[in-house]
């Protein structure tokens, strides 16, 4: 659906192109919209699968570091009741 929408927007811009303008002006107008749409589609693709290997992907190392930081804070603050068990279920 996103690709169909992108094609429709580019088609809409081409239908309403002004013949009085120079070709490079029209190319800049259509090109800028295409760049924004491609960027948006790439962003949606990246956000759809953040664990996919590649640039900017989330790694388990970040969670391991977070757990280490939490343990350090726990040593400073002291023992506090943990709201959930090891599986993430809320303790009553």
PDB file of N, CA and C in Angstrom:
ATOM      1  N   UNK A   1       0.821  -1.192   0.000  1.00  0.00           N
ATOM      2  CA  UNK A   1       0.000   0.000   0.000  1.00  0.00           C
ATOM      3  C   UNK A   1       0.868   1.261   0.000  1.00  0.00           C
ATOM      4  N   UNK A   2       1.973   1.196   0.724  1.00  0.00           N
ATOM      5  CA  UNK A   2       2.852   2.368   0.754  1.00  0.00           C
ATOM      6  C   UNK A   2       3.469   2.649  -0.610  1.00  0.00           C
ATOM      7  N   UNK A   3       3.856   1.609  -1.317  1.00  0.00           N
ATOM      8  CA  UNK A   3       4.455   1.793  -2.642  1.00  0.00           C
ATOM      9  C   UNK A   3       3.404   2.308  -3.627  1.00  0.00           C
ATOM     10  N   UNK A   4       2.195   1.791  -3.544  1.00  0.00           N
ATOM     11  CA  UNK A   4       1.110   2.270  -4.414  1.00  0.00           C
ATOM     12  C   UNK A   4       0.847   3.747  -4.146  1.00  0.00           C
ATOM     13  N   UNK A   5       0.831   4.129  -2.883  1.00  0.00           N
ATOM     14  CA  UNK A   5       0.625   5.540  -2.532  1.00  0.00           C
ATOM     15  C   UNK A   5       1.745   6.405  -3.096  1.00  0.00           C
ATOM     16  N   UNK A   6       2.979   5.914  -3.007  1.00  0.00           N
ATOM     17  CA  UNK A   6       4.112   6.674  -3.531  1.00  0.00           C
ATOM     18  C   UNK A   6       3.989   6.863  -5.042  1.00  0.00           C
ATOM     19  N   UNK A   7       3.613   5.816  -5.754  1.00  0.00           N
ATOM     20  CA  UNK A   7       3.445   5.925  -7.213  1.00  0.00           C
ATOM     21  C   UNK A   7       2.310   6.884  -7.550  1.00  0.00           C
ATOM     22  N   UNK A   8       1.236   6.843  -6.789  1.00  0.00           N
ATOM     23  CA  UNK A   8       0.107   7.748  -7.045  1.00  0.00           C
ATOM     24  C   UNK A   8       0.501   9.204  -6.814  1.00  0.00           C
ATOM     25  N   UNK A   9       1.301   9.480  -5.793  1.00  0.00           N
ATOM     26  CA  UNK A   9       1.724  10.859  -5.519  1.00  0.00           C
ATOM     27  C   UNK A   9       2.610  11.371  -6.644  1.00  0.00           C
ATOM     28  N   UNK A  10       3.554  10.543  -7.100  1.00  0.00           N
ATOM     29  CA  UNK A  10       4.413  10.972  -8.214  1.00  0.00           C
ATOM     30  C   UNK A  10       3.578  11.176  -9.473  1.00  0.00           C
ATOM     31  N   UNK A  11       2.647  10.277  -9.735  1.00  0.00           N
ATOM     32  CA  UNK A  11       1.751  10.453 -10.880  1.00  0.00           C
ATOM     33  C   UNK A  11       0.922  11.717 -10.770  1.00  0.00           C
ATOM     34  N   UNK A  12       0.436  12.007  -9.581  1.00  0.00           N
ATOM     35  CA  UNK A  12      -0.339  13.234  -9.347  1.00  0.00           C
ATOM     36  C   UNK A  12       0.516  14.468  -9.657  1.00  0.00           C
ATOM     37  N   UNK A  13       1.760  14.448  -9.233  1.00  0.00           N
ATOM     38  CA  UNK A  13       2.632  15.594  -9.511  1.00  0.00           C
ATOM     39  C   UNK A  13       2.909  15.736 -11.002  1.00  0.00           C
ATOM     40  N   UNK A  14       3.044  14.615 -11.701  1.00  0.00           N
ATOM     41  CA  UNK A  14       3.311  14.689 -13.138  1.00  0.00           C
ATOM     42  C   UNK A  14       2.094  15.165 -13.925  1.00  0.00           C
ATOM     43  N   UNK A  15       0.883  14.801 -13.464  1.00  0.00           N
ATOM     44  CA  UNK A  15      -0.334  15.230 -14.157  1.00  0.00           C
ATOM     45  C   UNK A  15      -0.505  16.745 -14.051  1.00  0.00           C
ATOM     46  N   UNK A  16      -0.175  17.293 -12.918  1.00  0.00           N
ATOM     47  CA  UNK A  16      -0.357  18.726 -12.713  1.00  0.00           C
ATOM     48  C   UNK A  16       0.905  19.541 -12.958  1.00  0.00           C
ATOM     49  N   UNK A  17       1.833  18.992 -13.738  1.00  0.00           N
ATOM     50  CA  UNK A  17       3.046  19.732 -14.083  1.00  0.00           C
ATOM     51  C   UNK A  17       2.678  20.920 -14.969  1.00  0.00           C
ATOM     52  N   UNK A  18       3.325  22.024 -14.722  1.00  0.00           N
ATOM     53  CA  UNK A  18       3.062  23.261 -15.472  1.00  0.00           C
ATOM     54  C   UNK A  18       3.970  23.300 -16.695  1.00  0.00           C
ATOM     55  N   UNK A  19       3.359  23.369 -17.877  1.00  0.00           N
ATOM     56  CA  UNK A  19       4.160  23.379 -19.110  1.00  0.00           C
ATOM     57  C   UNK A  19       4.911  24.696 -19.282  1.00  0.00           C
ATOM     58  N   UNK A  20       4.537  25.724 -18.528  1.00  0.00           N
ATOM     59  CA  UNK A  20       5.235  27.003 -18.608  1.00  0.00           C
ATOM     60  C   UNK A  20       6.545  27.007 -17.843  1.00  0.00           C
ATOM     61  N   UNK A  21       6.748  26.040 -16.967  1.00  0.00           N
ATOM     62  CA  UNK A  21       7.991  25.965 -16.207  1.00  0.00           C
ATOM     63  C   UNK A  21       9.036  25.195 -16.993  1.00  0.00           C
ATOM     64  N   UNK A  22      10.269  25.448 -16.650  1.00  0.00           N
ATOM     65  CA  UNK A  22      11.354  24.727 -17.300  1.00  0.00           C
ATOM     66  C   UNK A  22      11.386  23.289 -16.800  1.00  0.00           C
ATOM     67  N   UNK A  23      11.987  22.426 -17.590  1.00  0.00           N
ATOM     68  CA  UNK A  23      12.017  20.999 -17.248  1.00  0.00           C
ATOM     69  C   UNK A  23      12.799  20.745 -15.968  1.00  0.00           C
ATOM     70  N   UNK A  24      13.886  21.477 -15.733  1.00  0.00           N
ATOM     71  CA  UNK A  24      14.682  21.224 -14.530  1.00  0.00           C
ATOM     72  C   UNK A  24      13.942  21.635 -13.267  1.00  0.00           C
ATOM     73  N   UNK A  25      13.072  22.650 -13.361  1.00  0.00           N
ATOM     74  CA  UNK A  25      12.274  23.050 -12.202  1.00  0.00           C
ATOM     75  C   UNK A  25      11.283  21.938 -11.860  1.00  0.00           C
ATOM     76  N   UNK A  26      10.638  21.397 -12.867  1.00  0.00           N
ATOM     77  CA  UNK A  26       9.699  20.296 -12.632  1.00  0.00           C
ATOM     78  C   UNK A  26      10.429  19.059 -12.114  1.00  0.00           C
ATOM     79  N   UNK A  27      11.633  18.812 -12.623  1.00  0.00           N
ATOM     80  CA  UNK A  27      12.412  17.668 -12.156  1.00  0.00           C
ATOM     81  C   UNK A  27      12.784  17.836 -10.682  1.00  0.00           C
ATOM     82  N   UNK A  28      13.115  19.045 -10.260  1.00  0.00           N
ATOM     83  CA  UNK A  28      13.436  19.299  -8.854  1.00  0.00           C
ATOM     84  C   UNK A  28      12.209  19.081  -7.983  1.00  0.00           C
ATOM     85  N   UNK A  29      11.051  19.550  -8.425  1.00  0.00           N
ATOM     86  CA  UNK A  29       9.830  19.368  -7.648  1.00  0.00           C
ATOM     87  C   UNK A  29       9.483  17.886  -7.473  1.00  0.00           C
ATOM     88  N   UNK A  30       9.489  17.147  -8.570  1.00  0.00           N
ATOM     89  CA  UNK A  30       9.167  15.717  -8.499  1.00  0.00           C
ATOM     90  C   UNK A  30      10.273  14.978  -7.755  1.00  0.00           C
ATOM     91  N   UNK A  31      11.517  15.320  -8.017  1.00  0.00           N
ATOM     92  CA  UNK A  31      12.639  14.663  -7.346  1.00  0.00           C
ATOM     93  C   UNK A  31      12.628  14.851  -5.843  1.00  0.00           C
ATOM     94  N   UNK A  32      12.276  16.034  -5.375  1.00  0.00           N
ATOM     95  CA  UNK A  32      12.238  16.260  -3.929  1.00  0.00           C
ATOM     96  C   UNK A  32      11.163  15.408  -3.272  1.00  0.00           C
ATOM     97  N   UNK A  33      10.018  15.274  -3.915  1.00  0.00           N
ATOM     98  CA  UNK A  33       8.961  14.421  -3.363  1.00  0.00           C
ATOM     99  C   UNK A  33       9.401  12.964  -3.374  1.00  0.00           C
ATOM    100  N   UNK A  34      10.062  12.536  -4.438  1.00  0.00           N
ATOM    101  CA  UNK A  34      10.540  11.155  -4.520  1.00  0.00           C
ATOM    102  C   UNK A  34      11.568  10.875  -3.425  1.00  0.00           C
ATOM    103  N   UNK A  35      12.474  11.817  -3.185  1.00  0.00           N
ATOM    104  CA  UNK A  35      13.482  11.631  -2.136  1.00  0.00           C
ATOM    105  C   UNK A  35      12.824  11.488  -0.771  1.00  0.00           C
ATOM    106  N   UNK A  36      11.831  12.312  -0.476  1.00  0.00           N
ATOM    107  CA  UNK A  36      11.134  12.225   0.811  1.00  0.00           C
ATOM    108  C   UNK A  36      10.390  10.896   0.935  1.00  0.00           C
ATOM    109  N   UNK A  37       9.734  10.466  -0.130  1.00  0.00           N
ATOM    110  CA  UNK A  37       8.988   9.202  -0.073  1.00  0.00           C
ATOM    111  C   UNK A  37       9.929   8.012   0.080  1.00  0.00           C
ATOM    112  N   UNK A  38      11.039   7.994  -0.644  1.00  0.00           N
ATOM    113  CA  UNK A  38      11.992   6.891  -0.525  1.00  0.00           C
ATOM    114  C   UNK A  38      12.578   6.863   0.880  1.00  0.00           C
ATOM    115  N   UNK A  39      12.911   8.029   1.416  1.00  0.00           N
ATOM    116  CA  UNK A  39      13.426   8.089   2.776  1.00  0.00           C
ATOM    117  C   UNK A  39      12.419   7.576   3.791  1.00  0.00           C
ATOM    118  N   UNK A  40      11.160   7.931   3.603  1.00  0.00           N
ATOM    119  CA  UNK A  40      10.114   7.458   4.507  1.00  0.00           C
ATOM    120  C   UNK A  40       9.937   5.945   4.409  1.00  0.00           C
ATOM    121  N   UNK A  41       9.936   5.417   3.192  1.00  0.00           N
ATOM    122  CA  UNK A  41       9.806   3.971   3.022  1.00  0.00           C
ATOM    123  C   UNK A  41      10.992   3.220   3.625  1.00  0.00           C
ATOM    124  N   UNK A  42      12.198   3.763   3.478  1.00  0.00           N
ATOM    125  CA  UNK A  42      13.362   3.124   4.079  1.00  0.00           C
ATOM    126  C   UNK A  42      13.291   3.169   5.602  1.00  0.00           C
ATOM    127  N   UNK A  43      12.819   4.284   6.143  1.00  0.00           N
ATOM    128  CA  UNK A  43      12.664   4.400   7.593  1.00  0.00           C
ATOM    129  C   UNK A  43      11.632   3.401   8.109  1.00  0.00           C
ATOM    130  N   UNK A  44      10.531   3.271   7.409  1.00  0.00           N
ATOM    131  CA  UNK A  44       9.502   2.311   7.808  1.00  0.00           C
ATOM    132  C   UNK A  44      10.062   0.899   7.731  1.00  0.00           C
ATOM    133  N   UNK A  45      10.832   0.597   6.708  1.00  0.00           N
ATOM    134  CA  UNK A  45      11.438  -0.731   6.570  1.00  0.00           C
ATOM    135  C   UNK A  45      12.387  -1.013   7.720  1.00  0.00           C
ATOM    136  N   UNK A  46      13.195  -0.010   8.096  1.00  0.00           N
ATOM    137  CA  UNK A  46      14.122  -0.196   9.202  1.00  0.00           C
ATOM    138  C   UNK A  46      13.379  -0.389  10.514  1.00  0.00           C
ATOM    139  N   UNK A  47      12.379   0.426  10.769  1.00  0.00           N
ATOM    140  CA  UNK A  47      11.642   0.337  12.021  1.00  0.00           C
ATOM    141  C   UNK A  47      10.794  -0.936  12.089  1.00  0.00           C
ATOM    142  N   UNK A  48      10.495  -1.534  10.948  1.00  0.00           N
ATOM    143  CA  UNK A  48       9.708  -2.749  10.927  1.00  0.00           C
ATOM    144  C   UNK A  48      10.485  -3.937  11.490  1.00  0.00           C
ATOM    145  N   UNK A  49      11.802  -3.958  11.322  1.00  0.00           N
ATOM    146  CA  UNK A  49      12.624  -5.063  11.810  1.00  0.00           C
ATOM    147  C   UNK A  49      13.929  -4.506  12.386  1.00  0.00           C
ATOM    148  N   UNK A  50      13.900  -3.977  13.614  1.00  0.00           N
ATOM    149  CA  UNK A  50      15.099  -3.338  14.166  1.00  0.00           C
ATOM    150  C   UNK A  50      16.202  -4.322  14.532  1.00  0.00           C
ATOM    151  N   UNK A  51      15.907  -5.628  14.583  1.00  0.00           N
ATOM    152  CA  UNK A  51      16.919  -6.619  14.944  1.00  0.00           C
ATOM    153  C   UNK A  51      17.599  -7.225  13.734  1.00  0.00           C
ATOM    154  N   UNK A  52      17.227  -6.793  12.545  1.00  0.00           N
ATOM    155  CA  UNK A  52      17.837  -7.282  11.320  1.00  0.00           C
ATOM    156  C   UNK A  52      19.314  -6.904  11.322  1.00  0.00           C
ATOM    157  N   UNK A  53      20.220  -7.822  10.977  1.00  0.00           N
ATOM    158  CA  UNK A  53      21.640  -7.456  10.985  1.00  0.00           C
ATOM    159  C   UNK A  53      21.917  -6.364   9.960  1.00  0.00           C
ATOM    160  N   UNK A  54      22.693  -5.409  10.358  1.00  0.00           N
ATOM    161  CA  UNK A  54      23.028  -4.310   9.473  1.00  0.00           C
ATOM    162  C   UNK A  54      23.267  -3.045  10.260  1.00  0.00           C
ATOM    163  N   UNK A  55      23.432  -1.956   9.547  1.00  0.00           N
ATOM    164  CA  UNK A  55      23.718  -0.671  10.154  1.00  0.00           C
ATOM    165  C   UNK A  55      22.555  -0.201  11.025  1.00  0.00           C
ATOM    166  N   UNK A  56      22.839   0.163  12.253  1.00  0.00           N
ATOM    167  CA  UNK A  56      21.824   0.700  13.154  1.00  0.00           C
ATOM    168  C   UNK A  56      20.929  -0.321  13.810  1.00  0.00           C
ATOM    169  N   UNK A  57      21.206  -1.592  13.629  1.00  0.00           N
ATOM    170  CA  UNK A  57      20.355  -2.627  14.210  1.00  0.00           C
ATOM    171  C   UNK A  57      20.611  -2.741  15.712  1.00  0.00           C
ATOM    172  N   UNK A  58      19.607  -3.188  16.430  1.00  0.00           N
ATOM    173  CA  UNK A  58      19.735  -3.390  17.861  1.00  0.00           C
ATOM    174  C   UNK A  58      20.455  -4.706  18.120  1.00  0.00           C
ATOM    175  N   UNK A  59      21.334  -4.694  19.057  1.00  0.00           N
ATOM    176  CA  UNK A  59      22.096  -5.886  19.410  1.00  0.00           C
ATOM    177  C   UNK A  59      21.812  -6.246  20.868  1.00  0.00           C
ATOM    178  N   UNK A  60      21.978  -7.514  21.252  1.00  0.00           N
ATOM    179  CA  UNK A  60      21.764  -7.901  22.646  1.00  0.00           C
ATOM    180  C   UNK A  60      22.772  -7.261  23.589  1.00  0.00           C
ATOM    181  N   UNK A  61      23.880  -6.741  23.048  1.00  0.00           N
ATOM    182  CA  UNK A  61      24.896  -6.113  23.879  1.00  0.00           C
ATOM    183  C   UNK A  61      24.307  -4.927  24.635  1.00  0.00           C
ATOM    184  N   UNK A  62      23.409  -4.189  23.989  1.00  0.00           N
ATOM    185  CA  UNK A  62      22.808  -3.031  24.640  1.00  0.00           C
ATOM    186  C   UNK A  62      22.016  -3.454  25.874  1.00  0.00           C
ATOM    187  N   UNK A  63      21.294  -4.541  25.782  1.00  0.00           N
ATOM    188  CA  UNK A  63      20.525  -5.015  26.933  1.00  0.00           C
ATOM    189  C   UNK A  63      21.453  -5.532  28.019  1.00  0.00           C
ATOM    190  N   UNK A  64      22.537  -6.190  27.641  1.00  0.00           N
ATOM    191  CA  UNK A  64      23.498  -6.669  28.628  1.00  0.00           C
ATOM    192  C   UNK A  64      24.117  -5.494  29.375  1.00  0.00           C
ATOM    193  N   UNK A  65      24.434  -4.438  28.654  1.00  0.00           N
ATOM    194  CA  UNK A  65      25.001  -3.236  29.294  1.00  0.00           C
ATOM    195  C   UNK A  65      23.973  -2.610  30.228  1.00  0.00           C
ATOM    196  N   UNK A  66      22.720  -2.571  29.828  1.00  0.00           N
ATOM    197  CA  UNK A  66      21.665  -2.018  30.676  1.00  0.00           C
ATOM    198  C   UNK A  66      21.539  -2.815  31.963  1.00  0.00           C
ATOM    199  N   UNK A  67      21.613  -4.132  31.874  1.00  0.00           N
ATOM    200  CA  UNK A  67      21.543  -4.966  33.073  1.00  0.00           C
ATOM    201  C   UNK A  67      22.724  -4.704  34.001  1.00  0.00           C
ATOM    202  N   UNK A  68      23.915  -4.494  33.423  1.00  0.00           N
ATOM    203  CA  UNK A  68      25.083  -4.169  34.238  1.00  0.00           C
ATOM    204  C   UNK A  68      24.903  -2.840  34.962  1.00  0.00           C
ATOM    205  N   UNK A  69      24.388  -1.849  34.256  1.00  0.00           N
ATOM    206  CA  UNK A  69      24.154  -0.540  34.873  1.00  0.00           C
ATOM    207  C   UNK A  69      23.122  -0.656  35.991  1.00  0.00           C
ATOM    208  N   UNK A  70      22.071  -1.416  35.760  1.00  0.00           N
ATOM    209  CA  UNK A  70      21.054  -1.597  36.799  1.00  0.00           C
ATOM    210  C   UNK A  70      21.639  -2.277  38.034  1.00  0.00           C
ATOM    211  N   UNK A  71      22.522  -3.242  37.836  1.00  0.00           N
ATOM    212  CA  UNK A  71      23.162  -3.900  38.969  1.00  0.00           C
ATOM    213  C   UNK A  71      24.053  -2.923  39.735  1.00  0.00           C
ATOM    214  N   UNK A  72      24.757  -2.051  39.016  1.00  0.00           N
ATOM    215  CA  UNK A  72      25.583  -1.031  39.682  1.00  0.00           C
ATOM    216  C   UNK A  72      24.714  -0.099  40.517  1.00  0.00           C
ATOM    217  N   UNK A  73      23.600   0.365  39.968  1.00  0.00           N
ATOM    218  CA  UNK A  73      22.688   1.244  40.703  1.00  0.00           C
ATOM    219  C   UNK A  73      22.092   0.532  41.904  1.00  0.00           C
ATOM    220  N   UNK A  74      21.825  -0.748  41.725  1.00  0.00           N
ATOM    221  CA  UNK A  74      21.270  -1.523  42.827  1.00  0.00           C
ATOM    222  C   UNK A  74      22.256  -1.592  43.993  1.00  0.00           C
ATOM    223  N   UNK A  75      23.545  -1.667  43.683  1.00  0.00           N
ATOM    224  CA  UNK A  75      24.563  -1.664  44.727  1.00  0.00           C
ATOM    225  C   UNK A  75      24.648  -0.333  45.447  1.00  0.00           C
ATOM    226  N   UNK A  76      24.407   0.754  44.727  1.00  0.00           N
ATOM    227  CA  UNK A  76      24.458   2.088  45.331  1.00  0.00           C
ATOM    228  C   UNK A  76      23.202   2.359  46.148  1.00  0.00           C
ATOM    229  N   UNK A  77      22.059   2.079  45.601  1.00  0.00           N
ATOM    230  CA  UNK A  77      20.784   2.394  46.235  1.00  0.00           C
ATOM    231  C   UNK A  77      20.444   1.389  47.327  1.00  0.00           C
ATOM    232  N   UNK A  78      20.813   0.172  47.136  1.00  0.00           N
ATOM    233  CA  UNK A  78      20.466  -0.874  48.082  1.00  0.00           C
ATOM    234  C   UNK A  78      19.409  -1.782  47.492  1.00  0.00           C
ATOM    235  N   UNK A  79      19.036  -2.760  48.283  1.00  0.00           N
ATOM    236  CA  UNK A  79      18.052  -3.742  47.823  1.00  0.00           C
ATOM    237  C   UNK A  79      16.672  -3.105  47.767  1.00  0.00           C
ATOM    238  N   UNK A  80      15.988  -3.278  46.658  1.00  0.00           N
ATOM    239  CA  UNK A  80      14.630  -2.764  46.475  1.00  0.00           C
ATOM    240  C   UNK A  80      13.772  -3.907  45.960  1.00  0.00           C
ATOM    241  N   UNK A  81      12.485  -3.880  46.255  1.00  0.00           N
ATOM    242  CA  UNK A  81      11.633  -4.962  45.754  1.00  0.00           C
ATOM    243  C   UNK A  81      11.561  -4.938  44.230  1.00  0.00           C
ATOM    244  N   UNK A  82      11.690  -6.109  43.658  1.00  0.00           N
ATOM    245  CA  UNK A  82      11.642  -6.240  42.200  1.00  0.00           C
ATOM    246  C   UNK A  82      10.180  -6.467  41.812  1.00  0.00           C
ATOM    247  N   UNK A  83       9.648  -5.670  40.850  1.00  0.00           N
ATOM    248  CA  UNK A  83       8.227  -5.768  40.526  1.00  0.00           C
ATOM    249  C   UNK A  83       7.841  -6.984  39.683  1.00  0.00           C
ATOM    250  N   UNK A  84       8.839  -7.704  39.132  1.00  0.00           N
ATOM    251  CA  UNK A  84       8.499  -8.853  38.306  1.00  0.00           C
ATOM    252  C   UNK A  84       9.510  -9.968  38.514  1.00  0.00           C
ATOM    253  N   UNK A  85       9.151 -11.173  38.083  1.00  0.00           N
ATOM    254  CA  UNK A  85      10.063 -12.301  38.221  1.00  0.00           C
ATOM    255  C   UNK A  85      10.970 -12.401  36.991  1.00  0.00           C
ATOM    256  N   UNK A  86      11.735 -13.487  36.906  1.00  0.00           N
ATOM    257  CA  UNK A  86      12.707 -13.644  35.820  1.00  0.00           C
ATOM    258  C   UNK A  86      12.052 -13.735  34.449  1.00  0.00           C
ATOM    259  N   UNK A  87      10.800 -14.169  34.407  1.00  0.00           N
ATOM    260  CA  UNK A  87      10.096 -14.310  33.126  1.00  0.00           C
ATOM    261  C   UNK A  87       9.319 -13.059  32.741  1.00  0.00           C
ATOM    262  N   UNK A  88       9.315 -12.037  33.603  1.00  0.00           N
ATOM    263  CA  UNK A  88       8.648 -10.775  33.306  1.00  0.00           C
ATOM    264  C   UNK A  88       7.228 -10.695  33.808  1.00  0.00           C
ATOM    265  N   UNK A  89       6.786 -11.677  34.561  1.00  0.00           N
ATOM    266  CA  UNK A  89       5.418 -11.645  35.108  1.00  0.00           C
ATOM    267  C   UNK A  89       5.410 -10.814  36.384  1.00  0.00           C
ATOM    268  N   UNK A  90       4.370 -10.051  36.567  1.00  0.00           N
ATOM    269  CA  UNK A  90       4.252  -9.189  37.733  1.00  0.00           C
ATOM    270  C   UNK A  90       4.125 -10.022  39.000  1.00  0.00           C
ATOM    271  N   UNK A  91       4.857  -9.597  40.014  1.00  0.00           N
ATOM    272  CA  UNK A  91       4.747 -10.259  41.319  1.00  0.00           C
ATOM    273  C   UNK A  91       3.591  -9.642  42.093  1.00  0.00           C
ATOM    274  N   UNK A  92       2.905 -10.456  42.837  1.00  0.00           N
ATOM    275  CA  UNK A  92       1.758  -9.924  43.598  1.00  0.00           C
ATOM    276  C   UNK A  92       2.130  -9.666  45.031  1.00  0.00           C
TER     277      UNK A  92
END
